Amino acid sequence: MKPSHHTAQSYWKKNLRYLLILLVIWFAVSYGAGILFKDTLDTIQLGGFPLGFWFAQQGSIYVFVILIFVYVHLMNRLDKKYGYDT
Protein backbone atom coordinates (compact mmCIF):
# COMPACT_ATOMS: atom_id res chain seq x y z
CA MET A 1 0.00 0.00 0.00
CA LYS A 2 1.41 3.38 -1.02
CA PRO A 3 1.49 5.99 1.79
CA SER A 4 -0.67 9.09 1.31
CA HIS A 5 0.65 12.48 0.25
CA HIS A 6 0.16 13.85 3.78
CA THR A 7 2.10 10.91 5.24
CA ALA A 8 4.93 11.47 2.75
CA GLN A 9 5.10 15.17 3.68
CA SER A 10 5.18 14.36 7.38
CA TYR A 11 7.92 11.80 6.77
CA TRP A 12 10.02 14.26 4.78
CA LYS A 13 9.51 17.04 7.34
CA LYS A 14 10.70 14.77 10.15
CA ASN A 15 13.65 13.62 8.03
CA LEU A 16 14.72 17.23 7.43
CA ARG A 17 14.39 17.98 11.14
CA TYR A 18 16.73 15.06 11.95
CA LEU A 19 19.21 16.25 9.33
CA LEU A 20 19.19 19.80 10.64
CA ILE A 21 19.72 18.74 14.26
CA LEU A 22 22.56 16.37 13.36
CA LEU A 23 24.27 18.92 11.13
CA VAL A 24 24.05 21.56 13.87
CA ILE A 25 25.71 19.12 16.28
CA TRP A 26 28.44 18.38 13.75
CA PHE A 27 28.98 22.09 13.08
CA ALA A 28 29.15 22.85 16.81
CA VAL A 29 31.73 20.12 17.37
CA SER A 30 33.88 20.78 14.31
CA TYR A 31 33.75 24.58 14.22
CA GLY A 32 33.06 25.31 17.87
CA ALA A 33 35.42 22.84 19.54
CA GLY A 34 38.06 22.93 16.81
CA ILE A 35 38.20 26.70 16.22
CA LEU A 36 36.11 28.90 18.55
CA PHE A 37 36.84 27.18 21.86
CA LYS A 38 40.27 25.83 20.91
CA ASP A 39 42.21 27.99 23.38
CA THR A 40 39.95 27.02 26.28
CA LEU A 41 40.00 23.33 25.35
CA ASP A 42 43.79 23.36 24.96
CA THR A 43 44.09 23.62 28.75
CA ILE A 44 42.89 19.97 28.89
CA GLN A 45 45.17 17.17 27.70
CA LEU A 46 43.92 14.04 25.90
CA GLY A 47 46.52 11.39 25.14
CA GLY A 48 49.27 13.96 25.58
CA PHE A 49 47.73 16.40 23.10
CA PRO A 50 45.70 19.54 23.79
CA LEU A 51 41.96 18.79 23.56
CA GLY A 52 41.33 21.66 21.10
CA PHE A 53 43.94 20.23 18.74
CA TRP A 54 42.45 16.74 19.15
CA PHE A 55 38.95 17.97 18.23
CA ALA A 56 40.29 19.87 15.23
CA GLN A 57 42.24 16.88 13.94
CA GLN A 58 40.28 13.78 14.97
CA GLY A 59 37.35 14.51 17.24
CA SER A 60 35.12 16.08 14.63
CA ILE A 61 35.69 13.08 12.33
CA TYR A 62 34.73 10.66 15.11
CA VAL A 63 31.63 12.69 15.91
CA PHE A 64 30.69 12.73 12.20
CA VAL A 65 30.94 8.93 11.99
CA ILE A 66 28.87 8.54 15.17
CA LEU A 67 26.26 10.94 13.75
CA ILE A 68 26.03 8.77 10.61
CA PHE A 69 25.11 5.76 12.77
CA VAL A 70 22.64 7.87 14.76
CA TYR A 71 21.03 9.02 11.50
CA VAL A 72 20.74 5.44 10.24
CA HIS A 73 19.08 4.41 13.51
CA LEU A 74 16.67 7.37 13.44
CA MET A 75 15.76 6.76 9.80
CA ASN A 76 15.14 3.05 10.38
CA ARG A 77 12.70 3.99 13.15
CA LEU A 78 11.10 6.65 10.96
CA ASP A 79 10.76 4.22 8.05
CA LYS A 80 8.94 1.71 10.27
CA LYS A 81 6.70 4.42 11.73
CA TYR A 82 5.56 5.66 8.30
CA GLY A 83 5.47 2.27 6.57
CA TYR A 84 8.43 2.74 4.25
CA ASP A 85 10.37 -0.27 5.50
CA THR A 86 10.35 -3.27 3.22
C-alpha atoms as a PDB file:
ATOM      1  CA  MET A   1       0.000   0.000   0.000  1.00  0.00           C
ATOM      2  CA  LYS A   2       1.409   3.383  -1.021  1.00  0.00           C
ATOM      3  CA  PRO A   3       1.494   5.986   1.791  1.00  0.00           C
ATOM      4  CA  SER A   4      -0.670   9.093   1.315  1.00  0.00           C
ATOM      5  CA  HIS A   5       0.654  12.483   0.249  1.00  0.00           C
ATOM      6  CA  HIS A   6       0.163  13.847   3.781  1.00  0.00           C
ATOM      7  CA  THR A   7       2.102  10.913   5.241  1.00  0.00           C
ATOM      8  CA  ALA A   8       4.934  11.470   2.755  1.00  0.00           C
ATOM      9  CA  GLN A   9       5.096  15.172   3.677  1.00  0.00           C
ATOM     10  CA  SER A  10       5.184  14.357   7.385  1.00  0.00           C
ATOM     11  CA  TYR A  11       7.922  11.796   6.767  1.00  0.00           C
ATOM     12  CA  TRP A  12      10.025  14.255   4.776  1.00  0.00           C
ATOM     13  CA  LYS A  13       9.509  17.037   7.337  1.00  0.00           C
ATOM     14  CA  LYS A  14      10.703  14.766  10.153  1.00  0.00           C
ATOM     15  CA  ASN A  15      13.651  13.623   8.031  1.00  0.00           C
ATOM     16  CA  LEU A  16      14.723  17.228   7.425  1.00  0.00           C
ATOM     17  CA  ARG A  17      14.393  17.977  11.143  1.00  0.00           C
ATOM     18  CA  TYR A  18      16.725  15.061  11.947  1.00  0.00           C
ATOM     19  CA  LEU A  19      19.215  16.249   9.335  1.00  0.00           C
ATOM     20  CA  LEU A  20      19.186  19.805  10.642  1.00  0.00           C
ATOM     21  CA  ILE A  21      19.725  18.744  14.257  1.00  0.00           C
ATOM     22  CA  LEU A  22      22.560  16.368  13.364  1.00  0.00           C
ATOM     23  CA  LEU A  23      24.267  18.923  11.127  1.00  0.00           C
ATOM     24  CA  VAL A  24      24.049  21.563  13.866  1.00  0.00           C
ATOM     25  CA  ILE A  25      25.705  19.117  16.285  1.00  0.00           C
ATOM     26  CA  TRP A  26      28.435  18.376  13.751  1.00  0.00           C
ATOM     27  CA  PHE A  27      28.981  22.088  13.080  1.00  0.00           C
ATOM     28  CA  ALA A  28      29.154  22.850  16.810  1.00  0.00           C
ATOM     29  CA  VAL A  29      31.727  20.125  17.366  1.00  0.00           C
ATOM     30  CA  SER A  30      33.876  20.777  14.310  1.00  0.00           C
ATOM     31  CA  TYR A  31      33.753  24.581  14.222  1.00  0.00           C
ATOM     32  CA  GLY A  32      33.059  25.306  17.875  1.00  0.00           C
ATOM     33  CA  ALA A  33      35.418  22.844  19.544  1.00  0.00           C
ATOM     34  CA  GLY A  34      38.056  22.928  16.811  1.00  0.00           C
ATOM     35  CA  ILE A  35      38.196  26.698  16.225  1.00  0.00           C
ATOM     36  CA  LEU A  36      36.112  28.904  18.548  1.00  0.00           C
ATOM     37  CA  PHE A  37      36.841  27.177  21.862  1.00  0.00           C
ATOM     38  CA  LYS A  38      40.272  25.832  20.911  1.00  0.00           C
ATOM     39  CA  ASP A  39      42.207  27.988  23.376  1.00  0.00           C
ATOM     40  CA  THR A  40      39.954  27.016  26.283  1.00  0.00           C
ATOM     41  CA  LEU A  41      39.998  23.329  25.351  1.00  0.00           C
ATOM     42  CA  ASP A  42      43.787  23.357  24.960  1.00  0.00           C
ATOM     43  CA  THR A  43      44.087  23.616  28.749  1.00  0.00           C
ATOM     44  CA  ILE A  44      42.887  19.972  28.886  1.00  0.00           C
ATOM     45  CA  GLN A  45      45.172  17.169  27.698  1.00  0.00           C
ATOM     46  CA  LEU A  46      43.918  14.041  25.898  1.00  0.00           C
ATOM     47  CA  GLY A  47      46.523  11.387  25.145  1.00  0.00           C
ATOM     48  CA  GLY A  48      49.271  13.957  25.582  1.00  0.00           C
ATOM     49  CA  PHE A  49      47.728  16.399  23.098  1.00  0.00           C
ATOM     50  CA  PRO A  50      45.701  19.536  23.787  1.00  0.00           C
ATOM     51  CA  LEU A  51      41.958  18.790  23.563  1.00  0.00           C
ATOM     52  CA  GLY A  52      41.334  21.662  21.103  1.00  0.00           C
ATOM     53  CA  PHE A  53      43.943  20.230  18.741  1.00  0.00           C
ATOM     54  CA  TRP A  54      42.447  16.739  19.149  1.00  0.00           C
ATOM     55  CA  PHE A  55      38.952  17.968  18.229  1.00  0.00           C
ATOM     56  CA  ALA A  56      40.288  19.874  15.233  1.00  0.00           C
ATOM     57  CA  GLN A  57      42.237  16.875  13.939  1.00  0.00           C
ATOM     58  CA  GLN A  58      40.278  13.775  14.973  1.00  0.00           C
ATOM     59  CA  GLY A  59      37.351  14.507  17.245  1.00  0.00           C
ATOM     60  CA  SER A  60      35.124  16.076  14.625  1.00  0.00           C
ATOM     61  CA  ILE A  61      35.691  13.079  12.327  1.00  0.00           C
ATOM     62  CA  TYR A  62      34.730  10.657  15.112  1.00  0.00           C
ATOM     63  CA  VAL A  63      31.632  12.694  15.909  1.00  0.00           C
ATOM     64  CA  PHE A  64      30.693  12.731  12.202  1.00  0.00           C
ATOM     65  CA  VAL A  65      30.943   8.927  11.994  1.00  0.00           C
ATOM     66  CA  ILE A  66      28.873   8.545  15.175  1.00  0.00           C
ATOM     67  CA  LEU A  67      26.260  10.935  13.747  1.00  0.00           C
ATOM     68  CA  ILE A  68      26.026   8.765  10.612  1.00  0.00           C
ATOM     69  CA  PHE A  69      25.109   5.765  12.768  1.00  0.00           C
ATOM     70  CA  VAL A  70      22.643   7.869  14.764  1.00  0.00           C
ATOM     71  CA  TYR A  71      21.034   9.023  11.498  1.00  0.00           C
ATOM     72  CA  VAL A  72      20.737   5.440  10.243  1.00  0.00           C
ATOM     73  CA  HIS A  73      19.083   4.412  13.512  1.00  0.00           C
ATOM     74  CA  LEU A  74      16.669   7.365  13.439  1.00  0.00           C
ATOM     75  CA  MET A  75      15.761   6.759   9.801  1.00  0.00           C
ATOM     76  CA  ASN A  76      15.138   3.054  10.383  1.00  0.00           C
ATOM     77  CA  ARG A  77      12.696   3.986  13.148  1.00  0.00           C
ATOM     78  CA  LEU A  78      11.102   6.649  10.960  1.00  0.00           C
ATOM     79  CA  ASP A  79      10.757   4.222   8.046  1.00  0.00           C
ATOM     80  CA  LYS A  80       8.944   1.714  10.269  1.00  0.00           C
ATOM     81  CA  LYS A  81       6.704   4.418  11.726  1.00  0.00           C
ATOM     82  CA  TYR A  82       5.560   5.661   8.302  1.00  0.00           C
ATOM     83  CA  GLY A  83       5.474   2.266   6.573  1.00  0.00           C
ATOM     84  CA  TYR A  84       8.434   2.740   4.247  1.00  0.00           C
ATOM     85  CA  ASP A  85      10.368  -0.269   5.503  1.00  0.00           C
ATOM     86  CA  THR A  86      10.347  -3.272   3.224  1.00  0.00           C
END
